[in-house]
Amino acid sequence: FLNELKVTQQLPPSSITVRELSSLNLNCGLEPPPDYIIWSFAQAGQPLATSSAVNQPRAPAGNRFANVSVSATPNGSLLVHRVGQGQSGRYQCQGLLRLQSVRTETLVNV
């Protein structure tokens, strides 16, 4: 029998505010460890981006996301470097394990 995939650490339920040019660190806890962690971003009033920071937990990656350099880690963390007004919006973390999917999201104001 498969273990049910669960969000063990939600993103902040209300909006959070960060200073321009600072770093934004979002953490999303998922158990058991998913096969994939997908981070999605949308500016206010826009649909979530289809080009997301996709991370296989066994292969840490750095990539471009929300038009800025980011680091996604196997434990469900997303670090956005030097945020600006363009990074204000909705961030979503989604975990995928076999046929299961769970997600959590938050609003960020810069």
PDB file of N, CA and C in Angstrom:
ATOM      1  N   PHE A   1       0.844  -1.196   0.000  1.00  0.00           N
ATOM      2  CA  PHE A   1       0.000   0.000   0.000  1.00  0.00           C
ATOM      3  C   PHE A   1       0.878   1.244   0.000  1.00  0.00           C
ATOM      4  N   LEU A   2       0.519   2.242  -0.795  1.00  0.00           N
ATOM      5  CA  LEU A   2       1.299   3.467  -0.920  1.00  0.00           C
ATOM      6  C   LEU A   2       1.052   4.400   0.264  1.00  0.00           C
ATOM      7  N   ASN A   3       2.119   5.070   0.701  1.00  0.00           N
ATOM      8  CA  ASN A   3       1.946   6.116   1.695  1.00  0.00           C
ATOM      9  C   ASN A   3       1.301   7.322   1.030  1.00  0.00           C
ATOM     10  N   GLU A   4       0.357   7.937   1.722  1.00  0.00           N
ATOM     11  CA  GLU A   4      -0.311   9.112   1.163  1.00  0.00           C
ATOM     12  C   GLU A   4       0.618  10.314   1.212  1.00  0.00           C
ATOM     13  N   LEU A   5       0.758  11.007   0.088  1.00  0.00           N
ATOM     14  CA  LEU A   5       1.571  12.208   0.009  1.00  0.00           C
ATOM     15  C   LEU A   5       0.856  13.341   0.743  1.00  0.00           C
ATOM     16  N   LYS A   6       1.574  14.029   1.639  1.00  0.00           N
ATOM     17  CA  LYS A   6       0.980  15.100   2.442  1.00  0.00           C
ATOM     18  C   LYS A   6       1.891  16.318   2.458  1.00  0.00           C
ATOM     19  N   VAL A   7       1.276  17.490   2.598  1.00  0.00           N
ATOM     20  CA  VAL A   7       2.022  18.714   2.857  1.00  0.00           C
ATOM     21  C   VAL A   7       2.235  18.780   4.361  1.00  0.00           C
ATOM     22  N   THR A   8       3.488  18.722   4.805  1.00  0.00           N
ATOM     23  CA  THR A   8       3.787  18.771   6.236  1.00  0.00           C
ATOM     24  C   THR A   8       4.197  20.165   6.689  1.00  0.00           C
ATOM     25  N   GLN A   9       4.585  21.032   5.736  1.00  0.00           N
ATOM     26  CA  GLN A   9       4.889  22.429   6.056  1.00  0.00           C
ATOM     27  C   GLN A   9       4.264  23.289   4.969  1.00  0.00           C
ATOM     28  N   GLN A  10       3.163  23.972   5.327  1.00  0.00           N
ATOM     29  CA  GLN A  10       2.461  24.853   4.400  1.00  0.00           C
ATOM     30  C   GLN A  10       3.274  26.121   4.166  1.00  0.00           C
ATOM     31  N   LEU A  11       3.091  26.723   3.003  1.00  0.00           N
ATOM     32  CA  LEU A  11       3.600  28.071   2.794  1.00  0.00           C
ATOM     33  C   LEU A  11       2.731  29.007   3.626  1.00  0.00           C
ATOM     34  N   PRO A  12       3.230  30.205   3.976  1.00  0.00           N
ATOM     35  CA  PRO A  12       2.427  31.113   4.800  1.00  0.00           C
ATOM     36  C   PRO A  12       1.047  31.341   4.182  1.00  0.00           C
ATOM     37  N   PRO A  13      -0.041  31.185   4.971  1.00  0.00           N
ATOM     38  CA  PRO A  13      -1.392  31.274   4.418  1.00  0.00           C
ATOM     39  C   PRO A  13      -1.796  32.675   3.988  1.00  0.00           C
ATOM     40  N   SER A  14      -1.252  33.697   4.621  1.00  0.00           N
ATOM     41  CA  SER A  14      -1.551  35.063   4.206  1.00  0.00           C
ATOM     42  C   SER A  14      -0.357  35.578   3.405  1.00  0.00           C
ATOM     43  N   SER A  15      -0.474  36.780   2.895  1.00  0.00           N
ATOM     44  CA  SER A  15       0.622  37.310   2.094  1.00  0.00           C
ATOM     45  C   SER A  15       1.815  37.670   2.970  1.00  0.00           C
ATOM     46  N   ILE A  16       2.995  37.611   2.369  1.00  0.00           N
ATOM     47  CA  ILE A  16       4.216  38.012   3.066  1.00  0.00           C
ATOM     48  C   ILE A  16       4.857  39.155   2.284  1.00  0.00           C
ATOM     49  N   THR A  17       5.601  39.995   2.974  1.00  0.00           N
ATOM     50  CA  THR A  17       6.249  41.142   2.348  1.00  0.00           C
ATOM     51  C   THR A  17       7.754  41.016   2.505  1.00  0.00           C
ATOM     52  N   VAL A  18       8.481  41.241   1.406  1.00  0.00           N
ATOM     53  CA  VAL A  18       9.946  41.229   1.437  1.00  0.00           C
ATOM     54  C   VAL A  18      10.453  42.534   0.837  1.00  0.00           C
ATOM     55  N   ARG A  19      11.638  42.945   1.270  1.00  0.00           N
ATOM     56  CA  ARG A  19      12.247  44.179   0.763  1.00  0.00           C
ATOM     57  C   ARG A  19      12.872  43.940  -0.611  1.00  0.00           C
ATOM     58  N   GLU A  20      12.775  44.952  -1.460  1.00  0.00           N
ATOM     59  CA  GLU A  20      13.388  44.869  -2.781  1.00  0.00           C
ATOM     60  C   GLU A  20      14.886  44.621  -2.646  1.00  0.00           C
ATOM     61  N   LEU A  21      15.420  43.775  -3.519  1.00  0.00           N
ATOM     62  CA  LEU A  21      16.828  43.361  -3.586  1.00  0.00           C
ATOM     63  C   LEU A  21      17.253  42.424  -2.461  1.00  0.00           C
ATOM     64  N   SER A  22      16.314  42.043  -1.595  1.00  0.00           N
ATOM     65  CA  SER A  22      16.645  41.033  -0.579  1.00  0.00           C
ATOM     66  C   SER A  22      16.355  39.656  -1.179  1.00  0.00           C
ATOM     67  N   SER A  23      16.564  38.614  -0.400  1.00  0.00           N
ATOM     68  CA  SER A  23      16.285  37.254  -0.859  1.00  0.00           C
ATOM     69  C   SER A  23      14.953  36.788  -0.290  1.00  0.00           C
ATOM     70  N   LEU A  24      14.232  36.015  -1.087  1.00  0.00           N
ATOM     71  CA  LEU A  24      12.968  35.413  -0.674  1.00  0.00           C
ATOM     72  C   LEU A  24      13.214  33.921  -0.518  1.00  0.00           C
ATOM     73  N   ASN A  25      12.944  33.388   0.678  1.00  0.00           N
ATOM     74  CA  ASN A  25      13.134  31.962   0.933  1.00  0.00           C
ATOM     75  C   ASN A  25      11.792  31.353   1.311  1.00  0.00           C
ATOM     76  N   LEU A  26      11.271  30.455   0.470  1.00  0.00           N
ATOM     77  CA  LEU A  26      10.005  29.780   0.731  1.00  0.00           C
ATOM     78  C   LEU A  26      10.279  28.306   0.983  1.00  0.00           C
ATOM     79  N   ASN A  27       9.612  27.745   1.974  1.00  0.00           N
ATOM     80  CA  ASN A  27       9.799  26.335   2.319  1.00  0.00           C
ATOM     81  C   ASN A  27       8.461  25.613   2.287  1.00  0.00           C
ATOM     82  N   CYS A  28       8.461  24.473   1.635  1.00  0.00           N
ATOM     83  CA  CYS A  28       7.267  23.653   1.513  1.00  0.00           C
ATOM     84  C   CYS A  28       7.690  22.230   1.884  1.00  0.00           C
ATOM     85  N   GLY A  29       7.121  21.703   2.968  1.00  0.00           N
ATOM     86  CA  GLY A  29       7.477  20.356   3.417  1.00  0.00           C
ATOM     87  C   GLY A  29       6.511  19.324   2.869  1.00  0.00           C
ATOM     88  N   LEU A  30       7.050  18.236   2.343  1.00  0.00           N
ATOM     89  CA  LEU A  30       6.236  17.181   1.739  1.00  0.00           C
ATOM     90  C   LEU A  30       6.718  15.829   2.239  1.00  0.00           C
ATOM     91  N   GLU A  31       5.782  14.965   2.609  1.00  0.00           N
ATOM     92  CA  GLU A  31       6.115  13.615   3.060  1.00  0.00           C
ATOM     93  C   GLU A  31       5.145  12.618   2.461  1.00  0.00           C
ATOM     94  N   PRO A  32       5.622  11.437   2.082  1.00  0.00           N
ATOM     95  CA  PRO A  32       7.030  11.062   1.950  1.00  0.00           C
ATOM     96  C   PRO A  32       7.683  11.883   0.837  1.00  0.00           C
ATOM     97  N   PRO A  33       9.016  11.844   0.714  1.00  0.00           N
ATOM     98  CA  PRO A  33       9.673  12.650  -0.317  1.00  0.00           C
ATOM     99  C   PRO A  33       9.077  12.367  -1.702  1.00  0.00           C
ATOM    100  N   PRO A  34       8.620  13.428  -2.395  1.00  0.00           N
ATOM    101  CA  PRO A  34       7.987  13.229  -3.697  1.00  0.00           C
ATOM    102  C   PRO A  34       9.015  12.936  -4.792  1.00  0.00           C
ATOM    103  N   ASP A  35       8.519  12.442  -5.923  1.00  0.00           N
ATOM    104  CA  ASP A  35       9.384  12.233  -7.083  1.00  0.00           C
ATOM    105  C   ASP A  35       9.789  13.575  -7.691  1.00  0.00           C
ATOM    106  N   TYR A  36       8.872  14.532  -7.679  1.00  0.00           N
ATOM    107  CA  TYR A  36       9.121  15.861  -8.236  1.00  0.00           C
ATOM    108  C   TYR A  36       8.542  16.924  -7.321  1.00  0.00           C
ATOM    109  N   ILE A  37       9.207  18.088  -7.289  1.00  0.00           N
ATOM    110  CA  ILE A  37       8.680  19.283  -6.634  1.00  0.00           C
ATOM    111  C   ILE A  37       8.629  20.354  -7.716  1.00  0.00           C
ATOM    112  N   ILE A  38       7.441  20.938  -7.924  1.00  0.00           N
ATOM    113  CA  ILE A  38       7.253  21.937  -8.972  1.00  0.00           C
ATOM    114  C   ILE A  38       6.873  23.260  -8.313  1.00  0.00           C
ATOM    115  N   TRP A  39       7.660  24.286  -8.565  1.00  0.00           N
ATOM    116  CA  TRP A  39       7.344  25.631  -8.096  1.00  0.00           C
ATOM    117  C   TRP A  39       6.760  26.407  -9.265  1.00  0.00           C
ATOM    118  N   SER A  40       5.632  27.073  -9.045  1.00  0.00           N
ATOM    119  CA  SER A  40       4.999  27.893 -10.079  1.00  0.00           C
ATOM    120  C   SER A  40       4.838  29.311  -9.553  1.00  0.00           C
ATOM    121  N   PHE A  41       4.788  30.273 -10.478  1.00  0.00           N
ATOM    122  CA  PHE A  41       4.707  31.681 -10.115  1.00  0.00           C
ATOM    123  C   PHE A  41       3.740  32.390 -11.051  1.00  0.00           C
ATOM    124  N   ALA A  42       2.997  33.347 -10.501  1.00  0.00           N
ATOM    125  CA  ALA A  42       2.141  34.212 -11.316  1.00  0.00           C
ATOM    126  C   ALA A  42       2.095  35.597 -10.702  1.00  0.00           C
ATOM    127  N   GLN A  43       2.251  36.626 -11.542  1.00  0.00           N
ATOM    128  CA  GLN A  43       2.047  37.981 -11.057  1.00  0.00           C
ATOM    129  C   GLN A  43       0.556  38.178 -10.824  1.00  0.00           C
ATOM    130  N   ALA A  44       0.205  39.201 -10.052  1.00  0.00           N
ATOM    131  CA  ALA A  44      -1.200  39.448  -9.691  1.00  0.00           C
ATOM    132  C   ALA A  44      -2.079  39.475 -10.932  1.00  0.00           C
ATOM    133  N   GLY A  45      -3.199  38.742 -10.867  1.00  0.00           N
ATOM    134  CA  GLY A  45      -4.161  38.725 -11.951  1.00  0.00           C
ATOM    135  C   GLY A  45      -3.793  37.839 -13.124  1.00  0.00           C
ATOM    136  N   GLN A  46      -2.678  37.123 -13.042  1.00  0.00           N
ATOM    137  CA  GLN A  46      -2.225  36.258 -14.135  1.00  0.00           C
ATOM    138  C   GLN A  46      -2.355  34.794 -13.730  1.00  0.00           C
ATOM    139  N   PRO A  47      -2.483  33.883 -14.712  1.00  0.00           N
ATOM    140  CA  PRO A  47      -2.497  32.453 -14.382  1.00  0.00           C
ATOM    141  C   PRO A  47      -1.103  31.992 -13.966  1.00  0.00           C
ATOM    142  N   LEU A  48      -1.039  30.898 -13.215  1.00  0.00           N
ATOM    143  CA  LEU A  48       0.267  30.355 -12.825  1.00  0.00           C
ATOM    144  C   LEU A  48       1.084  30.034 -14.063  1.00  0.00           C
ATOM    145  N   ALA A  49       2.373  30.313 -13.993  1.00  0.00           N
ATOM    146  CA  ALA A  49       3.270  30.066 -15.119  1.00  0.00           C
ATOM    147  C   ALA A  49       3.369  28.576 -15.403  1.00  0.00           C
ATOM    148  N   THR A  50       3.370  28.250 -16.678  1.00  0.00           N
ATOM    149  CA  THR A  50       3.557  26.846 -17.027  1.00  0.00           C
ATOM    150  C   THR A  50       5.033  26.489 -17.019  1.00  0.00           C
ATOM    151  N   SER A  51       5.911  27.473 -17.235  1.00  0.00           N
ATOM    152  CA  SER A  51       7.343  27.207 -17.101  1.00  0.00           C
ATOM    153  C   SER A  51       7.724  27.478 -15.655  1.00  0.00           C
ATOM    154  N   SER A  52       7.956  26.423 -14.930  1.00  0.00           N
ATOM    155  CA  SER A  52       8.178  26.491 -13.497  1.00  0.00           C
ATOM    156  C   SER A  52       9.558  25.962 -13.154  1.00  0.00           C
ATOM    157  N   ALA A  53       9.982  26.201 -11.926  1.00  0.00           N
ATOM    158  CA  ALA A  53      11.217  25.601 -11.434  1.00  0.00           C
ATOM    159  C   ALA A  53      10.876  24.177 -11.023  1.00  0.00           C
ATOM    160  N   VAL A  54      11.269  23.220 -11.823  1.00  0.00           N
ATOM    161  CA  VAL A  54      10.980  21.819 -11.543  1.00  0.00           C
ATOM    162  C   VAL A  54      12.214  21.205 -10.921  1.00  0.00           C
ATOM    163  N   ASN A  55      12.037  20.517  -9.821  1.00  0.00           N
ATOM    164  CA  ASN A  55      13.163  19.938  -9.115  1.00  0.00           C
ATOM    165  C   ASN A  55      12.895  18.478  -8.805  1.00  0.00           C
ATOM    166  N   GLN A  56      13.774  17.611  -9.270  1.00  0.00           N
ATOM    167  CA  GLN A  56      13.734  16.224  -8.839  1.00  0.00           C
ATOM    168  C   GLN A  56      14.530  16.176  -7.548  1.00  0.00           C
ATOM    169  N   PRO A  57      13.937  15.741  -6.438  1.00  0.00           N
ATOM    170  CA  PRO A  57      14.629  15.795  -5.155  1.00  0.00           C
ATOM    171  C   PRO A  57      16.029  15.174  -5.149  1.00  0.00           C
ATOM    172  N   ARG A  58      16.298  14.251  -6.038  1.00  0.00           N
ATOM    173  CA  ARG A  58      17.627  13.651  -6.046  1.00  0.00           C
ATOM    174  C   ARG A  58      18.611  14.437  -6.898  1.00  0.00           C
ATOM    175  N   ALA A  59      18.179  15.555  -7.500  1.00  0.00           N
ATOM    176  CA  ALA A  59      19.059  16.335  -8.380  1.00  0.00           C
ATOM    177  C   ALA A  59      18.840  17.830  -8.156  1.00  0.00           C
ATOM    178  N   PRO A  60      19.503  18.435  -7.144  1.00  0.00           N
ATOM    179  CA  PRO A  60      19.327  19.870  -6.885  1.00  0.00           C
ATOM    180  C   PRO A  60      19.619  20.696  -8.143  1.00  0.00           C
ATOM    181  N   ALA A  61      18.880  21.778  -8.302  1.00  0.00           N
ATOM    182  CA  ALA A  61      19.020  22.565  -9.527  1.00  0.00           C
ATOM    183  C   ALA A  61      18.989  24.049  -9.218  1.00  0.00           C
ATOM    184  N   GLY A  62      19.675  24.806 -10.033  1.00  0.00           N
ATOM    185  CA  GLY A  62      19.548  26.257 -10.034  1.00  0.00           C
ATOM    186  C   GLY A  62      19.012  26.630 -11.399  1.00  0.00           C
ATOM    187  N   ASN A  63      18.033  27.505 -11.483  1.00  0.00           N
ATOM    188  CA  ASN A  63      17.530  27.922 -12.771  1.00  0.00           C
ATOM    189  C   ASN A  63      16.915  29.299 -12.715  1.00  0.00           C
ATOM    190  N   ARG A  64      16.384  29.731 -13.880  1.00  0.00           N
ATOM    191  CA  ARG A  64      15.712  31.022 -13.974  1.00  0.00           C
ATOM    192  C   ARG A  64      14.226  30.799 -13.716  1.00  0.00           C
ATOM    193  N   PHE A  65      13.655  31.664 -12.894  1.00  0.00           N
ATOM    194  CA  PHE A  65      12.268  31.490 -12.474  1.00  0.00           C
ATOM    195  C   PHE A  65      11.762  32.845 -12.041  1.00  0.00           C
ATOM    196  N   ALA A  66      10.537  33.201 -12.438  1.00  0.00           N
ATOM    197  CA  ALA A  66       9.985  34.524 -12.111  1.00  0.00           C
ATOM    198  C   ALA A  66      10.942  35.622 -12.585  1.00  0.00           C
ATOM    199  N   ASN A  67      11.632  35.354 -13.728  1.00  0.00           N
ATOM    200  CA  ASN A  67      12.583  36.293 -14.338  1.00  0.00           C
ATOM    201  C   ASN A  67      13.741  36.666 -13.428  1.00  0.00           C
ATOM    202  N   VAL A  68      14.166  35.745 -12.591  1.00  0.00           N
ATOM    203  CA  VAL A  68      15.279  36.014 -11.683  1.00  0.00           C
ATOM    204  C   VAL A  68      15.961  34.689 -11.378  1.00  0.00           C
ATOM    205  N   SER A  69      17.184  34.741 -10.880  1.00  0.00           N
ATOM    206  CA  SER A  69      17.917  33.532 -10.542  1.00  0.00           C
ATOM    207  C   SER A  69      17.368  32.925  -9.249  1.00  0.00           C
ATOM    208  N   VAL A  70      17.164  31.613  -9.254  1.00  0.00           N
ATOM    209  CA  VAL A  70      16.645  30.927  -8.083  1.00  0.00           C
ATOM    210  C   VAL A  70      17.443  29.661  -7.816  1.00  0.00           C
ATOM    211  N   SER A  71      17.307  29.149  -6.605  1.00  0.00           N
ATOM    212  CA  SER A  71      17.837  27.841  -6.243  1.00  0.00           C
ATOM    213  C   SER A  71      16.691  27.045  -5.645  1.00  0.00           C
ATOM    214  N   ALA A  72      16.448  25.851  -6.176  1.00  0.00           N
ATOM    215  CA  ALA A  72      15.438  24.948  -5.629  1.00  0.00           C
ATOM    216  C   ALA A  72      16.177  23.752  -5.038  1.00  0.00           C
ATOM    217  N   THR A  73      15.791  23.352  -3.831  1.00  0.00           N
ATOM    218  CA  THR A  73      16.496  22.269  -3.155  1.00  0.00           C
ATOM    219  C   THR A  73      15.608  21.035  -3.022  1.00  0.00           C
ATOM    220  N   PRO A  74      16.216  19.876  -2.786  1.00  0.00           N
ATOM    221  CA  PRO A  74      15.451  18.641  -2.679  1.00  0.00           C
ATOM    222  C   PRO A  74      14.454  18.618  -1.519  1.00  0.00           C
ATOM    223  N   ASN A  75      14.655  19.469  -0.507  1.00  0.00           N
ATOM    224  CA  ASN A  75      13.759  19.439   0.652  1.00  0.00           C
ATOM    225  C   ASN A  75      12.556  20.362   0.494  1.00  0.00           C
ATOM    226  N   GLY A  76      12.355  20.942  -0.685  1.00  0.00           N
ATOM    227  CA  GLY A  76      11.178  21.774  -0.922  1.00  0.00           C
ATOM    228  C   GLY A  76      11.386  23.251  -0.679  1.00  0.00           C
ATOM    229  N   SER A  77      12.635  23.714  -0.643  1.00  0.00           N
ATOM    230  CA  SER A  77      12.910  25.136  -0.459  1.00  0.00           C
ATOM    231  C   SER A  77      13.130  25.816  -1.798  1.00  0.00           C
ATOM    232  N   LEU A  78      12.682  27.060  -1.884  1.00  0.00           N
ATOM    233  CA  LEU A  78      12.926  27.883  -3.063  1.00  0.00           C
ATOM    234  C   LEU A  78      13.555  29.175  -2.573  1.00  0.00           C
ATOM    235  N   LEU A  79      14.728  29.516  -3.106  1.00  0.00           N
ATOM    236  CA  LEU A  79      15.421  30.750  -2.749  1.00  0.00           C
ATOM    237  C   LEU A  79      15.468  31.627  -3.990  1.00  0.00           C
ATOM    238  N   VAL A  80      14.826  32.798  -3.913  1.00  0.00           N
ATOM    239  CA  VAL A  80      14.831  33.761  -5.012  1.00  0.00           C
ATOM    240  C   VAL A  80      15.794  34.871  -4.630  1.00  0.00           C
ATOM    241  N   HIS A  81      16.810  35.080  -5.447  1.00  0.00           N
ATOM    242  CA  HIS A  81      17.866  36.055  -5.160  1.00  0.00           C
ATOM    243  C   HIS A  81      17.481  37.441  -5.674  1.00  0.00           C
ATOM    244  N   ARG A  82      17.760  38.478  -4.895  1.00  0.00           N
ATOM    245  CA  ARG A  82      17.593  39.877  -5.303  1.00  0.00           C
ATOM    246  C   ARG A  82      16.215  40.146  -5.915  1.00  0.00           C
ATOM    247  N   VAL A  83      15.168  39.974  -5.116  1.00  0.00           N
ATOM    248  CA  VAL A  83      13.805  40.159  -5.616  1.00  0.00           C
ATOM    249  C   VAL A  83      13.537  41.615  -5.981  1.00  0.00           C
ATOM    250  N   GLY A  84      12.650  41.799  -6.940  1.00  0.00           N
ATOM    251  CA  GLY A  84      12.201  43.120  -7.356  1.00  0.00           C
ATOM    252  C   GLY A  84      10.692  43.105  -7.492  1.00  0.00           C
ATOM    253  N   GLN A  85      10.141  44.218  -7.953  1.00  0.00           N
ATOM    254  CA  GLN A  85       8.687  44.322  -8.103  1.00  0.00           C
ATOM    255  C   GLN A  85       8.127  43.206  -8.984  1.00  0.00           C
ATOM    256  N   GLY A  86       8.892  42.744  -9.960  1.00  0.00           N
ATOM    257  CA  GLY A  86       8.444  41.701 -10.873  1.00  0.00           C
ATOM    258  C   GLY A  86       8.248  40.347 -10.217  1.00  0.00           C
ATOM    259  N   GLN A  87       8.737  40.188  -9.006  1.00  0.00           N
ATOM    260  CA  GLN A  87       8.569  38.919  -8.301  1.00  0.00           C
ATOM    261  C   GLN A  87       7.418  38.954  -7.301  1.00  0.00           C
ATOM    262  N   SER A  88       6.655  40.052  -7.269  1.00  0.00           N
ATOM    263  CA  SER A  88       5.433  40.092  -6.458  1.00  0.00           C
ATOM    264  C   SER A  88       4.395  39.217  -7.127  1.00  0.00           C
ATOM    265  N   GLY A  89       3.703  38.412  -6.351  1.00  0.00           N
ATOM    266  CA  GLY A  89       2.653  37.578  -6.930  1.00  0.00           C
ATOM    267  C   GLY A  89       2.432  36.310  -6.129  1.00  0.00           C
ATOM    268  N   ARG A  90       1.856  35.319  -6.797  1.00  0.00           N
ATOM    269  CA  ARG A  90       1.463  34.064  -6.160  1.00  0.00           C
ATOM    270  C   ARG A  90       2.519  32.996  -6.457  1.00  0.00           C
ATOM    271  N   TYR A  91       2.983  32.324  -5.411  1.00  0.00           N
ATOM    272  CA  TYR A  91       3.943  31.224  -5.525  1.00  0.00           C
ATOM    273  C   TYR A  91       3.263  29.942  -5.069  1.00  0.00           C
ATOM    274  N   GLN A  92       3.449  28.877  -5.832  1.00  0.00           N
ATOM    275  CA  GLN A  92       2.835  27.600  -5.486  1.00  0.00           C
ATOM    276  C   GLN A  92       3.888  26.502  -5.517  1.00  0.00           C
ATOM    277  N   CYS A  93       3.853  25.659  -4.491  1.00  0.00           N
ATOM    278  CA  CYS A  93       4.700  24.473  -4.413  1.00  0.00           C
ATOM    279  C   CYS A  93       3.800  23.262  -4.610  1.00  0.00           C
ATOM    280  N   GLN A  94       4.189  22.376  -5.524  1.00  0.00           N
ATOM    281  CA  GLN A  94       3.406  21.170  -5.781  1.00  0.00           C
ATOM    282  C   GLN A  94       4.338  19.966  -5.718  1.00  0.00           C
ATOM    283  N   GLY A  95       3.906  18.938  -4.996  1.00  0.00           N
ATOM    284  CA  GLY A  95       4.660  17.691  -4.932  1.00  0.00           C
ATOM    285  C   GLY A  95       3.946  16.608  -5.712  1.00  0.00           C
ATOM    286  N   LEU A  96       4.711  15.814  -6.462  1.00  0.00           N
ATOM    287  CA  LEU A  96       4.155  14.714  -7.239  1.00  0.00           C
ATOM    288  C   LEU A  96       4.830  13.421  -6.825  1.00  0.00           C
ATOM    289  N   LEU A  97       4.022  12.431  -6.503  1.00  0.00           N
ATOM    290  CA  LEU A  97       4.521  11.103  -6.130  1.00  0.00           C
ATOM    291  C   LEU A  97       3.625  10.077  -6.791  1.00  0.00           C
ATOM    292  N   ARG A  98       4.157   9.398  -7.780  1.00  0.00           N
ATOM    293  CA  ARG A  98       3.379   8.444  -8.572  1.00  0.00           C
ATOM    294  C   ARG A  98       2.128   9.141  -9.096  1.00  0.00           C
ATOM    295  N   LEU A  99       0.939   8.735  -8.684  1.00  0.00           N
ATOM    296  CA  LEU A  99      -0.296   9.354  -9.176  1.00  0.00           C
ATOM    297  C   LEU A  99      -0.863  10.389  -8.217  1.00  0.00           C
ATOM    298  N   GLN A 100      -0.118  10.711  -7.156  1.00  0.00           N
ATOM    299  CA  GLN A 100      -0.605  11.657  -6.156  1.00  0.00           C
ATOM    300  C   GLN A 100      -0.022  13.053  -6.402  1.00  0.00           C
ATOM    301  N   SER A 101      -0.806  14.067  -6.037  1.00  0.00           N
ATOM    302  CA  SER A 101      -0.370  15.448  -6.167  1.00  0.00           C
ATOM    303  C   SER A 101      -0.935  16.253  -5.002  1.00  0.00           C
ATOM    304  N   VAL A 102      -0.084  17.054  -4.352  1.00  0.00           N
ATOM    305  CA  VAL A 102      -0.527  17.981  -3.310  1.00  0.00           C
ATOM    306  C   VAL A 102       0.134  19.326  -3.578  1.00  0.00           C
ATOM    307  N   ARG A 103      -0.484  20.408  -3.058  1.00  0.00           N
ATOM    308  CA  ARG A 103       0.090  21.734  -3.291  1.00  0.00           C
ATOM    309  C   ARG A 103      -0.223  22.684  -2.150  1.00  0.00           C
ATOM    310  N   THR A 104       0.575  23.735  -2.068  1.00  0.00           N
ATOM    311  CA  THR A 104       0.372  24.819  -1.116  1.00  0.00           C
ATOM    312  C   THR A 104       0.844  26.093  -1.800  1.00  0.00           C
ATOM    313  N   GLU A 105       0.244  27.254  -1.475  1.00  0.00           N
ATOM    314  CA  GLU A 105       0.647  28.490  -2.122  1.00  0.00           C
ATOM    315  C   GLU A 105       0.551  29.676  -1.183  1.00  0.00           C
ATOM    316  N   THR A 106       1.217  30.786  -1.587  1.00  0.00           N
ATOM    317  CA  THR A 106       1.208  32.010  -0.798  1.00  0.00           C
ATOM    318  C   THR A 106       1.321  33.204  -1.739  1.00  0.00           C
ATOM    319  N   LEU A 107       0.984  34.387  -1.224  1.00  0.00           N
ATOM    320  CA  LEU A 107       1.156  35.639  -1.960  1.00  0.00           C
ATOM    321  C   LEU A 107       2.377  36.360  -1.408  1.00  0.00           C
ATOM    322  N   VAL A 108       3.177  36.941  -2.304  1.00  0.00           N
ATOM    323  CA  VAL A 108       4.381  37.667  -1.912  1.00  0.00           C
ATOM    324  C   VAL A 108       4.274  39.093  -2.438  1.00  0.00           C
ATOM    325  N   ASN A 109       4.528  40.063  -1.572  1.00  0.00           N
ATOM    326  CA  ASN A 109       4.580  41.486  -1.956  1.00  0.00           C
ATOM    327  C   ASN A 109       5.997  41.984  -1.796  1.00  0.00           C
ATOM    328  N   VAL A 110       6.515  42.653  -2.832  1.00  0.00           N
ATOM    329  CA  VAL A 110       7.861  43.224  -2.773  1.00  0.00           C
ATOM    330  C   VAL A 110       7.719  44.726  -2.715  1.00  0.00           C
TER     331      VAL A 110
END
